[in-house]
């Protein structure tokens, strides 16, 4: 991802279209706009077909879903791991009252 990638959740929906992350990507930053208050999560799939998405879970092995952000925004969310190059954002089960555009950037850690 050479620059910021913008993806949208359309009015009345709770998920973005699938997008591709250039690998390897250490982590992602997500610019969260003002939105209908909800939990923002990321889902990944193993193939470019965009089917079979699964939500990212917490890395401590406890099992609950990883929440990138919770609230009405604006905020900058952090995705700590990128297991595959195909992903989408979701606010399910909460649908958005208006179209919301999220900016996604690759975060590189400096030594």
PDB file of N, CA and C in Angstrom:
ATOM      1  N   UNK A   1       0.855  -1.166   0.000  1.00  0.00           N
ATOM      2  CA  UNK A   1       0.000   0.000   0.000  1.00  0.00           C
ATOM      3  C   UNK A   1       0.899   1.225   0.000  1.00  0.00           C
ATOM      4  N   UNK A   2       1.064   1.871  -1.108  1.00  0.00           N
ATOM      5  CA  UNK A   2       1.990   2.995  -1.176  1.00  0.00           C
ATOM      6  C   UNK A   2       1.521   4.233  -0.418  1.00  0.00           C
ATOM      7  N   UNK A   3       0.245   4.387  -0.236  1.00  0.00           N
ATOM      8  CA  UNK A   3      -0.294   5.536   0.469  1.00  0.00           C
ATOM      9  C   UNK A   3      -1.542   5.121   1.217  1.00  0.00           C
ATOM     10  N   UNK A   4      -2.344   6.087   1.560  1.00  0.00           N
ATOM     11  CA  UNK A   4      -3.587   5.787   2.267  1.00  0.00           C
ATOM     12  C   UNK A   4      -4.591   5.147   1.325  1.00  0.00           C
ATOM     13  N   UNK A   5      -5.232   4.092   1.804  1.00  0.00           N
ATOM     14  CA  UNK A   5      -6.310   3.408   1.089  1.00  0.00           C
ATOM     15  C   UNK A   5      -7.620   3.814   1.751  1.00  0.00           C
ATOM     16  N   UNK A   6      -8.573   4.279   0.979  1.00  0.00           N
ATOM     17  CA  UNK A   6      -9.871   4.663   1.529  1.00  0.00           C
ATOM     18  C   UNK A   6     -10.915   3.605   1.193  1.00  0.00           C
ATOM     19  N   UNK A   7     -11.650   3.161   2.212  1.00  0.00           N
ATOM     20  CA  UNK A   7     -12.748   2.219   2.036  1.00  0.00           C
ATOM     21  C   UNK A   7     -13.962   2.779   2.750  1.00  0.00           C
ATOM     22  N   UNK A   8     -15.147   2.421   2.268  1.00  0.00           N
ATOM     23  CA  UNK A   8     -16.376   2.993   2.831  1.00  0.00           C
ATOM     24  C   UNK A   8     -17.370   1.923   3.259  1.00  0.00           C
ATOM     25  N   UNK A   9     -18.084   2.239   4.312  1.00  0.00           N
ATOM     26  CA  UNK A   9     -19.287   1.500   4.682  1.00  0.00           C
ATOM     27  C   UNK A   9     -20.442   2.368   4.218  1.00  0.00           C
ATOM     28  N   UNK A  10     -21.251   1.846   3.309  1.00  0.00           N
ATOM     29  CA  UNK A  10     -22.359   2.617   2.753  1.00  0.00           C
ATOM     30  C   UNK A  10     -23.489   2.767   3.754  1.00  0.00           C
ATOM     31  N   UNK A  11     -24.278   3.798   3.586  1.00  0.00           N
ATOM     32  CA  UNK A  11     -25.427   4.060   4.448  1.00  0.00           C
ATOM     33  C   UNK A  11     -26.335   2.828   4.492  1.00  0.00           C
ATOM     34  N   UNK A  12     -26.700   2.408   5.698  1.00  0.00           N
ATOM     35  CA  UNK A  12     -27.579   1.257   5.872  1.00  0.00           C
ATOM     36  C   UNK A  12     -26.859  -0.077   5.917  1.00  0.00           C
ATOM     37  N   UNK A  13     -25.529  -0.056   5.786  1.00  0.00           N
ATOM     38  CA  UNK A  13     -24.742  -1.285   5.809  1.00  0.00           C
ATOM     39  C   UNK A  13     -23.777  -1.268   6.989  1.00  0.00           C
ATOM     40  N   UNK A  14     -23.098  -2.418   7.213  1.00  0.00           N
ATOM     41  CA  UNK A  14     -22.187  -2.537   8.348  1.00  0.00           C
ATOM     42  C   UNK A  14     -20.823  -3.088   7.961  1.00  0.00           C
ATOM     43  N   UNK A  15     -20.519  -3.146   6.651  1.00  0.00           N
ATOM     44  CA  UNK A  15     -19.252  -3.729   6.231  1.00  0.00           C
ATOM     45  C   UNK A  15     -18.737  -3.016   4.984  1.00  0.00           C
ATOM     46  N   UNK A  16     -17.405  -2.906   4.870  1.00  0.00           N
ATOM     47  CA  UNK A  16     -16.801  -2.337   3.668  1.00  0.00           C
ATOM     48  C   UNK A  16     -16.685  -3.432   2.613  1.00  0.00           C
ATOM     49  N   UNK A  17     -16.358  -3.038   1.413  1.00  0.00           N
ATOM     50  CA  UNK A  17     -15.976  -4.013   0.403  1.00  0.00           C
ATOM     51  C   UNK A  17     -14.612  -4.564   0.805  1.00  0.00           C
ATOM     52  N   UNK A  18     -14.257  -5.707   0.238  1.00  0.00           N
ATOM     53  CA  UNK A  18     -12.945  -6.286   0.508  1.00  0.00           C
ATOM     54  C   UNK A  18     -11.858  -5.380  -0.069  1.00  0.00           C
ATOM     55  N   UNK A  19     -10.717  -5.333   0.606  1.00  0.00           N
ATOM     56  CA  UNK A  19      -9.577  -4.580   0.103  1.00  0.00           C
ATOM     57  C   UNK A  19      -8.312  -5.413   0.273  1.00  0.00           C
ATOM     58  N   UNK A  20      -7.272  -5.046  -0.453  1.00  0.00           N
ATOM     59  CA  UNK A  20      -6.010  -5.782  -0.427  1.00  0.00           C
ATOM     60  C   UNK A  20      -4.936  -4.952   0.257  1.00  0.00           C
ATOM     61  N   UNK A  21      -4.199  -5.605   1.139  1.00  0.00           N
ATOM     62  CA  UNK A  21      -3.088  -4.986   1.852  1.00  0.00           C
ATOM     63  C   UNK A  21      -1.803  -5.548   1.267  1.00  0.00           C
ATOM     64  N   UNK A  22      -0.881  -4.674   0.871  1.00  0.00           N
ATOM     65  CA  UNK A  22       0.413  -5.146   0.391  1.00  0.00           C
ATOM     66  C   UNK A  22       1.138  -5.830   1.535  1.00  0.00           C
ATOM     67  N   UNK A  23       1.649  -7.027   1.282  1.00  0.00           N
ATOM     68  CA  UNK A  23       2.365  -7.777   2.298  1.00  0.00           C
ATOM     69  C   UNK A  23       3.857  -7.655   2.050  1.00  0.00           C
ATOM     70  N   UNK A  24       4.721  -7.659   3.013  1.00  0.00           N
ATOM     71  CA  UNK A  24       4.340  -7.770   4.402  1.00  0.00           C
ATOM     72  C   UNK A  24       3.955  -6.419   4.994  1.00  0.00           C
ATOM     73  N   UNK A  25       2.947  -6.408   5.781  1.00  0.00           N
ATOM     74  CA  UNK A  25       2.528  -5.206   6.508  1.00  0.00           C
ATOM     75  C   UNK A  25       2.588  -5.560   7.988  1.00  0.00           C
ATOM     76  N   UNK A  26       3.392  -4.854   8.715  1.00  0.00           N
ATOM     77  CA  UNK A  26       3.544  -5.157  10.135  1.00  0.00           C
ATOM     78  C   UNK A  26       2.233  -4.906  10.885  1.00  0.00           C
ATOM     79  N   UNK A  27       1.725  -3.715  10.757  1.00  0.00           N
ATOM     80  CA  UNK A  27       0.474  -3.334  11.407  1.00  0.00           C
ATOM     81  C   UNK A  27      -0.235  -2.324  10.521  1.00  0.00           C
ATOM     82  N   UNK A  28      -1.501  -2.052  10.844  1.00  0.00           N
ATOM     83  CA  UNK A  28      -2.276  -1.068  10.100  1.00  0.00           C
ATOM     84  C   UNK A  28      -2.812  -0.008  11.045  1.00  0.00           C
ATOM     85  N   UNK A  29      -2.913   1.203  10.542  1.00  0.00           N
ATOM     86  CA  UNK A  29      -3.602   2.276  11.235  1.00  0.00           C
ATOM     87  C   UNK A  29      -4.880   2.556  10.466  1.00  0.00           C
ATOM     88  N   UNK A  30      -5.979   2.783  11.178  1.00  0.00           N
ATOM     89  CA  UNK A  30      -7.258   3.069  10.536  1.00  0.00           C
ATOM     90  C   UNK A  30      -7.784   4.400  11.064  1.00  0.00           C
ATOM     91  N   UNK A  31      -7.917   5.362  10.157  1.00  0.00           N
ATOM     92  CA  UNK A  31      -8.503   6.648  10.526  1.00  0.00           C
ATOM     93  C   UNK A  31     -10.016   6.467  10.544  1.00  0.00           C
ATOM     94  N   UNK A  32     -10.593   6.548  11.748  1.00  0.00           N
ATOM     95  CA  UNK A  32     -12.021   6.315  11.951  1.00  0.00           C
ATOM     96  C   UNK A  32     -12.737   7.662  11.900  1.00  0.00           C
ATOM     97  N   UNK A  33     -13.737   7.807  11.030  1.00  0.00           N
ATOM     98  CA  UNK A  33     -14.478   9.064  10.960  1.00  0.00           C
ATOM     99  C   UNK A  33     -15.534   9.129  12.061  1.00  0.00           C
ATOM    100  N   UNK A  34     -16.200  10.269  12.172  1.00  0.00           N
ATOM    101  CA  UNK A  34     -17.392  10.320  13.014  1.00  0.00           C
ATOM    102  C   UNK A  34     -18.378   9.333  12.411  1.00  0.00           C
ATOM    103  N   UNK A  35     -18.991   8.501  13.257  1.00  0.00           N
ATOM    104  CA  UNK A  35     -19.876   7.459  12.743  1.00  0.00           C
ATOM    105  C   UNK A  35     -20.944   7.121  13.762  1.00  0.00           C
ATOM    106  N   UNK A  36     -21.907   6.327  13.336  1.00  0.00           N
ATOM    107  CA  UNK A  36     -22.897   5.801  14.265  1.00  0.00           C
ATOM    108  C   UNK A  36     -22.131   4.964  15.279  1.00  0.00           C
ATOM    109  N   UNK A  37     -22.318   5.252  16.575  1.00  0.00           N
ATOM    110  CA  UNK A  37     -21.546   4.571  17.614  1.00  0.00           C
ATOM    111  C   UNK A  37     -21.624   3.063  17.450  1.00  0.00           C
ATOM    112  N   UNK A  38     -20.465   2.438  17.382  1.00  0.00           N
ATOM    113  CA  UNK A  38     -20.399   0.993  17.191  1.00  0.00           C
ATOM    114  C   UNK A  38     -18.984   0.520  17.469  1.00  0.00           C
ATOM    115  N   UNK A  39     -18.814  -0.789  17.403  1.00  0.00           N
ATOM    116  CA  UNK A  39     -17.501  -1.398  17.552  1.00  0.00           C
ATOM    117  C   UNK A  39     -16.936  -1.631  16.159  1.00  0.00           C
ATOM    118  N   UNK A  40     -15.692  -1.232  15.925  1.00  0.00           N
ATOM    119  CA  UNK A  40     -15.044  -1.439  14.633  1.00  0.00           C
ATOM    120  C   UNK A  40     -14.109  -2.640  14.743  1.00  0.00           C
ATOM    121  N   UNK A  41     -14.314  -3.610  13.840  1.00  0.00           N
ATOM    122  CA  UNK A  41     -13.474  -4.804  13.808  1.00  0.00           C
ATOM    123  C   UNK A  41     -12.941  -5.008  12.390  1.00  0.00           C
ATOM    124  N   UNK A  42     -11.913  -5.833  12.263  1.00  0.00           N
ATOM    125  CA  UNK A  42     -11.378  -6.185  10.954  1.00  0.00           C
ATOM    126  C   UNK A  42     -11.532  -7.688  10.765  1.00  0.00           C
ATOM    127  N   UNK A  43     -11.831  -8.070   9.536  1.00  0.00           N
ATOM    128  CA  UNK A  43     -11.972  -9.478   9.182  1.00  0.00           C
ATOM    129  C   UNK A  43     -11.019  -9.778   8.026  1.00  0.00           C
ATOM    130  N   UNK A  44     -10.492 -10.996   8.005  1.00  0.00           N
ATOM    131  CA  UNK A  44      -9.565 -11.414   6.955  1.00  0.00           C
ATOM    132  C   UNK A  44     -10.086 -12.680   6.286  1.00  0.00           C
ATOM    133  N   UNK A  45      -9.676 -12.899   5.034  1.00  0.00           N
ATOM    134  CA  UNK A  45      -9.975 -14.161   4.358  1.00  0.00           C
ATOM    135  C   UNK A  45      -8.698 -14.676   3.719  1.00  0.00           C
ATOM    136  N   UNK A  46      -8.718 -15.940   3.297  1.00  0.00           N
ATOM    137  CA  UNK A  46      -7.497 -16.582   2.806  1.00  0.00           C
ATOM    138  C   UNK A  46      -7.365 -16.560   1.298  1.00  0.00           C
ATOM    139  N   UNK A  47      -8.356 -16.037   0.602  1.00  0.00           N
ATOM    140  CA  UNK A  47      -8.295 -16.010  -0.861  1.00  0.00           C
ATOM    141  C   UNK A  47      -8.811 -14.685  -1.387  1.00  0.00           C
ATOM    142  N   UNK A  48      -8.353 -14.309  -2.562  1.00  0.00           N
ATOM    143  CA  UNK A  48      -8.742 -13.042  -3.153  1.00  0.00           C
ATOM    144  C   UNK A  48     -10.179 -12.982  -3.618  1.00  0.00           C
ATOM    145  N   UNK A  49     -10.915 -14.090  -3.500  1.00  0.00           N
ATOM    146  CA  UNK A  49     -12.309 -14.114  -3.941  1.00  0.00           C
ATOM    147  C   UNK A  49     -13.200 -13.265  -3.053  1.00  0.00           C
ATOM    148  N   UNK A  50     -12.739 -12.941  -1.846  1.00  0.00           N
ATOM    149  CA  UNK A  50     -13.528 -12.121  -0.934  1.00  0.00           C
ATOM    150  C   UNK A  50     -14.627 -12.875  -0.223  1.00  0.00           C
ATOM    151  N   UNK A  51     -14.526 -14.191  -0.172  1.00  0.00           N
ATOM    152  CA  UNK A  51     -15.526 -14.972   0.565  1.00  0.00           C
ATOM    153  C   UNK A  51     -14.851 -15.652   1.747  1.00  0.00           C
ATOM    154  N   UNK A  52     -15.635 -16.035   2.726  1.00  0.00           N
ATOM    155  CA  UNK A  52     -15.101 -16.734   3.883  1.00  0.00           C
ATOM    156  C   UNK A  52     -14.339 -15.865   4.852  1.00  0.00           C
ATOM    157  N   UNK A  53     -14.807 -14.643   5.069  1.00  0.00           N
ATOM    158  CA  UNK A  53     -14.131 -13.746   6.014  1.00  0.00           C
ATOM    159  C   UNK A  53     -14.292 -14.239   7.444  1.00  0.00           C
ATOM    160  N   UNK A  54     -13.239 -14.071   8.235  1.00  0.00           N
ATOM    161  CA  UNK A  54     -13.263 -14.429   9.650  1.00  0.00           C
ATOM    162  C   UNK A  54     -12.714 -13.253  10.448  1.00  0.00           C
ATOM    163  N   UNK A  55     -13.336 -12.955  11.594  1.00  0.00           N
ATOM    164  CA  UNK A  55     -12.872 -11.822  12.400  1.00  0.00           C
ATOM    165  C   UNK A  55     -11.554 -12.126  13.104  1.00  0.00           C
ATOM    166  N   UNK A  56     -10.739 -11.078  13.252  1.00  0.00           N
ATOM    167  CA  UNK A  56      -9.503 -11.184  14.012  1.00  0.00           C
ATOM    168  C   UNK A  56      -9.863 -11.340  15.486  1.00  0.00           C
ATOM    169  N   UNK A  57      -9.212 -12.271  16.177  1.00  0.00           N
ATOM    170  CA  UNK A  57      -9.442 -12.454  17.611  1.00  0.00           C
ATOM    171  C   UNK A  57      -8.262 -11.876  18.383  1.00  0.00           C
ATOM    172  N   UNK A  58      -8.446 -11.753  19.679  1.00  0.00           N
ATOM    173  CA  UNK A  58      -7.373 -11.230  20.524  1.00  0.00           C
ATOM    174  C   UNK A  58      -6.161 -12.156  20.483  1.00  0.00           C
ATOM    175  N   UNK A  59      -4.997 -11.570  20.536  1.00  0.00           N
ATOM    176  CA  UNK A  59      -3.760 -12.334  20.434  1.00  0.00           C
ATOM    177  C   UNK A  59      -3.352 -13.075  21.688  1.00  0.00           C
ATOM    178  N   UNK A  60      -4.101 -12.910  22.782  1.00  0.00           N
ATOM    179  CA  UNK A  60      -3.719 -13.569  24.037  1.00  0.00           C
ATOM    180  C   UNK A  60      -4.290 -14.978  24.178  1.00  0.00           C
ATOM    181  N   UNK A  61      -5.021 -15.435  23.157  1.00  0.00           N
ATOM    182  CA  UNK A  61      -5.572 -16.779  23.187  1.00  0.00           C
ATOM    183  C   UNK A  61      -6.872 -16.918  23.957  1.00  0.00           C
ATOM    184  N   UNK A  62      -7.428 -15.786  24.437  1.00  0.00           N
ATOM    185  CA  UNK A  62      -8.661 -15.865  25.237  1.00  0.00           C
ATOM    186  C   UNK A  62      -9.915 -16.100  24.386  1.00  0.00           C
ATOM    187  N   UNK A  63      -9.830 -15.829  23.076  1.00  0.00           N
ATOM    188  CA  UNK A  63     -10.954 -16.128  22.197  1.00  0.00           C
ATOM    189  C   UNK A  63     -11.851 -14.990  21.764  1.00  0.00           C
ATOM    190  N   UNK A  64     -12.067 -13.932  22.582  1.00  0.00           N
ATOM    191  CA  UNK A  64     -12.952 -12.855  22.134  1.00  0.00           C
ATOM    192  C   UNK A  64     -12.419 -12.142  20.890  1.00  0.00           C
ATOM    193  N   UNK A  65     -13.332 -11.526  20.160  1.00  0.00           N
ATOM    194  CA  UNK A  65     -12.965 -10.797  18.954  1.00  0.00           C
ATOM    195  C   UNK A  65     -12.124  -9.579  19.305  1.00  0.00           C
ATOM    196  N   UNK A  66     -11.195  -9.251  18.422  1.00  0.00           N
ATOM    197  CA  UNK A  66     -10.363  -8.066  18.592  1.00  0.00           C
ATOM    198  C   UNK A  66     -11.168  -6.843  18.160  1.00  0.00           C
ATOM    199  N   UNK A  67     -11.273  -5.868  19.030  1.00  0.00           N
ATOM    200  CA  UNK A  67     -11.964  -4.620  18.725  1.00  0.00           C
ATOM    201  C   UNK A  67     -10.920  -3.551  18.443  1.00  0.00           C
ATOM    202  N   UNK A  68     -10.933  -3.029  17.210  1.00  0.00           N
ATOM    203  CA  UNK A  68      -9.977  -1.985  16.845  1.00  0.00           C
ATOM    204  C   UNK A  68     -10.369  -0.653  17.467  1.00  0.00           C
ATOM    205  N   UNK A  69     -11.687  -0.418  17.596  1.00  0.00           N
ATOM    206  CA  UNK A  69     -12.191   0.831  18.167  1.00  0.00           C
ATOM    207  C   UNK A  69     -13.645   0.624  18.577  1.00  0.00           C
ATOM    208  N   UNK A  70     -14.077   1.344  19.593  1.00  0.00           N
ATOM    209  CA  UNK A  70     -15.467   1.310  20.006  1.00  0.00           C
ATOM    210  C   UNK A  70     -15.895   2.728  20.365  1.00  0.00           C
ATOM    211  N   UNK A  71     -16.942   3.206  19.711  1.00  0.00           N
ATOM    212  CA  UNK A  71     -17.432   4.549  19.979  1.00  0.00           C
ATOM    213  C   UNK A  71     -17.972   5.203  18.732  1.00  0.00           C
ATOM    214  N   UNK A  72     -18.046   6.546  18.767  1.00  0.00           N
ATOM    215  CA  UNK A  72     -18.632   7.306  17.667  1.00  0.00           C
ATOM    216  C   UNK A  72     -17.589   8.036  16.821  1.00  0.00           C
ATOM    217  N   UNK A  73     -16.294   7.895  17.148  1.00  0.00           N
ATOM    218  CA  UNK A  73     -15.245   8.552  16.368  1.00  0.00           C
ATOM    219  C   UNK A  73     -15.287  10.055  16.544  1.00  0.00           C
ATOM    220  N   UNK A  74     -14.351  10.753  15.945  1.00  0.00           N
ATOM    221  CA  UNK A  74     -13.220  10.269  15.165  1.00  0.00           C
ATOM    222  C   UNK A  74     -12.127   9.707  16.062  1.00  0.00           C
ATOM    223  N   UNK A  75     -11.293   8.853  15.450  1.00  0.00           N
ATOM    224  CA  UNK A  75     -10.210   8.216  16.192  1.00  0.00           C
ATOM    225  C   UNK A  75      -9.201   7.628  15.211  1.00  0.00           C
ATOM    226  N   UNK A  76      -8.088   7.188  15.748  1.00  0.00           N
ATOM    227  CA  UNK A  76      -7.107   6.436  14.975  1.00  0.00           C
ATOM    228  C   UNK A  76      -7.000   5.066  15.624  1.00  0.00           C
ATOM    229  N   UNK A  77      -7.428   4.043  14.901  1.00  0.00           N
ATOM    230  CA  UNK A  77      -7.402   2.673  15.419  1.00  0.00           C
ATOM    231  C   UNK A  77      -6.128   1.981  14.967  1.00  0.00           C
ATOM    232  N   UNK A  78      -5.734   0.955  15.697  1.00  0.00           N
ATOM    233  CA  UNK A  78      -4.515   0.219  15.414  1.00  0.00           C
ATOM    234  C   UNK A  78      -4.845  -1.252  15.244  1.00  0.00           C
ATOM    235  N   UNK A  79      -4.409  -1.841  14.126  1.00  0.00           N
ATOM    236  CA  UNK A  79      -4.576  -3.268  13.873  1.00  0.00           C
ATOM    237  C   UNK A  79      -3.191  -3.892  14.060  1.00  0.00           C
ATOM    238  N   UNK A  80      -2.977  -4.698  15.116  1.00  0.00           N
ATOM    239  CA  UNK A  80      -1.634  -5.141  15.478  1.00  0.00           C
ATOM    240  C   UNK A  80      -1.030  -6.244  14.616  1.00  0.00           C
ATOM    241  N   UNK A  81      -1.851  -6.938  13.831  1.00  0.00           N
ATOM    242  CA  UNK A  81      -1.339  -8.047  13.029  1.00  0.00           C
ATOM    243  C   UNK A  81      -2.139  -8.133  11.725  1.00  0.00           C
ATOM    244  N   UNK A  82      -1.450  -8.484  10.650  1.00  0.00           N
ATOM    245  CA  UNK A  82      -2.092  -8.607   9.337  1.00  0.00           C
ATOM    246  C   UNK A  82      -1.808 -10.023   8.834  1.00  0.00           C
ATOM    247  N   UNK A  83      -2.691 -10.996   9.145  1.00  0.00           N
ATOM    248  CA  UNK A  83      -2.411 -12.387   8.808  1.00  0.00           C
ATOM    249  C   UNK A  83      -2.519 -12.735   7.326  1.00  0.00           C
ATOM    250  N   UNK A  84      -3.357 -12.035   6.580  1.00  0.00           N
ATOM    251  CA  UNK A  84      -3.471 -12.267   5.142  1.00  0.00           C
ATOM    252  C   UNK A  84      -3.573 -10.916   4.449  1.00  0.00           C
ATOM    253  N   UNK A  85      -3.513 -10.905   3.143  1.00  0.00           N
ATOM    254  CA  UNK A  85      -3.559  -9.641   2.419  1.00  0.00           C
ATOM    255  C   UNK A  85      -4.960  -9.193   2.055  1.00  0.00           C
ATOM    256  N   UNK A  86      -5.975 -10.004   2.335  1.00  0.00           N
ATOM    257  CA  UNK A  86      -7.356  -9.643   1.998  1.00  0.00           C
ATOM    258  C   UNK A  86      -8.143  -9.367   3.275  1.00  0.00           C
ATOM    259  N   UNK A  87      -8.777  -8.212   3.328  1.00  0.00           N
ATOM    260  CA  UNK A  87      -9.458  -7.812   4.551  1.00  0.00           C
ATOM    261  C   UNK A  87     -10.686  -6.961   4.250  1.00  0.00           C
ATOM    262  N   UNK A  88     -11.459  -6.712   5.289  1.00  0.00           N
ATOM    263  CA  UNK A  88     -12.564  -5.762   5.243  1.00  0.00           C
ATOM    264  C   UNK A  88     -12.814  -5.281   6.667  1.00  0.00           C
ATOM    265  N   UNK A  89     -13.430  -4.113   6.795  1.00  0.00           N
ATOM    266  CA  UNK A  89     -13.806  -3.563   8.101  1.00  0.00           C
ATOM    267  C   UNK A  89     -15.284  -3.791   8.316  1.00  0.00           C
ATOM    268  N   UNK A  90     -15.674  -3.934   9.583  1.00  0.00           N
ATOM    269  CA  UNK A  90     -17.083  -4.141   9.894  1.00  0.00           C
ATOM    270  C   UNK A  90     -17.474  -3.445  11.197  1.00  0.00           C
ATOM    271  N   UNK A  91     -18.711  -2.984  11.238  1.00  0.00           N
ATOM    272  CA  UNK A  91     -19.301  -2.437  12.468  1.00  0.00           C
ATOM    273  C   UNK A  91     -20.500  -3.290  12.883  1.00  0.00           C
ATOM    274  N   UNK A  92     -20.626  -4.482  12.298  1.00  0.00           N
ATOM    275  CA  UNK A  92     -21.773  -5.370  12.566  1.00  0.00           C
ATOM    276  C   UNK A  92     -21.875  -5.672  14.055  1.00  0.00           C
ATOM    277  N   UNK A  93     -23.072  -5.746  14.586  1.00  0.00           N
ATOM    278  CA  UNK A  93     -24.355  -5.720  13.888  1.00  0.00           C
ATOM    279  C   UNK A  93     -24.926  -4.315  13.665  1.00  0.00           C
ATOM    280  N   UNK A  94     -24.185  -3.275  14.031  1.00  0.00           N
ATOM    281  CA  UNK A  94     -24.689  -1.908  13.886  1.00  0.00           C
ATOM    282  C   UNK A  94     -24.484  -1.406  12.463  1.00  0.00           C
ATOM    283  N   UNK A  95     -25.569  -0.992  11.806  1.00  0.00           N
ATOM    284  CA  UNK A  95     -25.441  -0.397  10.477  1.00  0.00           C
ATOM    285  C   UNK A  95     -25.176   1.097  10.630  1.00  0.00           C
ATOM    286  N   UNK A  96     -24.570   1.683   9.617  1.00  0.00           N
ATOM    287  CA  UNK A  96     -24.227   3.104   9.653  1.00  0.00           C
ATOM    288  C   UNK A  96     -25.371   3.940   9.079  1.00  0.00           C
ATOM    289  N   UNK A  97     -25.658   5.073   9.720  1.00  0.00           N
ATOM    290  CA  UNK A  97     -26.759   5.945   9.302  1.00  0.00           C
ATOM    291  C   UNK A  97     -26.433   6.682   8.002  1.00  0.00           C
ATOM    292  N   UNK A  98     -25.154   6.911   7.746  1.00  0.00           N
ATOM    293  CA  UNK A  98     -24.694   7.580   6.527  1.00  0.00           C
ATOM    294  C   UNK A  98     -23.456   6.830   6.029  1.00  0.00           C
ATOM    295  N   UNK A  99     -23.029   7.121   4.813  1.00  0.00           N
ATOM    296  CA  UNK A  99     -21.806   6.514   4.289  1.00  0.00           C
ATOM    297  C   UNK A  99     -20.614   7.026   5.090  1.00  0.00           C
ATOM    298  N   UNK A 100     -19.755   6.094   5.524  1.00  0.00           N
ATOM    299  CA  UNK A 100     -18.565   6.424   6.332  1.00  0.00           C
ATOM    300  C   UNK A 100     -17.318   5.944   5.596  1.00  0.00           C
ATOM    301  N   UNK A 101     -16.335   6.826   5.464  1.00  0.00           N
ATOM    302  CA  UNK A 101     -15.096   6.479   4.774  1.00  0.00           C
ATOM    303  C   UNK A 101     -13.955   6.394   5.777  1.00  0.00           C
ATOM    304  N   UNK A 102     -13.238   5.281   5.722  1.00  0.00           N
ATOM    305  CA  UNK A 102     -12.129   4.989   6.618  1.00  0.00           C
ATOM    306  C   UNK A 102     -10.828   5.039   5.824  1.00  0.00           C
ATOM    307  N   UNK A 103      -9.802   5.645   6.388  1.00  0.00           N
ATOM    308  CA  UNK A 103      -8.481   5.691   5.762  1.00  0.00           C
ATOM    309  C   UNK A 103      -7.589   4.637   6.394  1.00  0.00           C
ATOM    310  N   UNK A 104      -6.966   3.809   5.572  1.00  0.00           N
ATOM    311  CA  UNK A 104      -6.119   2.722   6.086  1.00  0.00           C
ATOM    312  C   UNK A 104      -4.680   2.977   5.629  1.00  0.00           C
ATOM    313  N   UNK A 105      -3.751   2.919   6.571  1.00  0.00           N
ATOM    314  CA  UNK A 105      -2.334   3.131   6.270  1.00  0.00           C
ATOM    315  C   UNK A 105      -1.507   2.005   6.886  1.00  0.00           C
ATOM    316  N   UNK A 106      -0.375   1.720   6.257  1.00  0.00           N
ATOM    317  CA  UNK A 106       0.571   0.757   6.814  1.00  0.00           C
ATOM    318  C   UNK A 106       1.412   1.453   7.863  1.00  0.00           C
ATOM    319  N   UNK A 107       1.569   0.807   9.010  1.00  0.00           N
ATOM    320  CA  UNK A 107       2.366   1.372  10.098  1.00  0.00           C
ATOM    321  C   UNK A 107       3.674   0.599  10.150  1.00  0.00           C
ATOM    322  N   UNK A 108       4.773   1.307  10.015  1.00  0.00           N
ATOM    323  CA  UNK A 108       6.087   0.698  10.110  1.00  0.00           C
ATOM    324  C   UNK A 108       6.724   1.121  11.417  1.00  0.00           C
ATOM    325  N   UNK A 109       7.190   0.148  12.169  1.00  0.00           N
ATOM    326  CA  UNK A 109       7.866   0.460  13.427  1.00  0.00           C
ATOM    327  C   UNK A 109       9.307   0.865  13.151  1.00  0.00           C
ATOM    328  N   UNK A 110       9.754   1.869  13.853  1.00  0.00           N
ATOM    329  CA  UNK A 110      11.138   2.316  13.695  1.00  0.00           C
ATOM    330  C   UNK A 110      11.989   1.687  14.790  1.00  0.00           C
ATOM    331  N   UNK A 111      13.236   1.336  14.440  1.00  0.00           N
ATOM    332  CA  UNK A 111      14.118   0.694  15.451  1.00  0.00           C
ATOM    333  C   UNK A 111      14.451   1.611  16.597  1.00  0.00           C
TER     334      UNK A 111
END
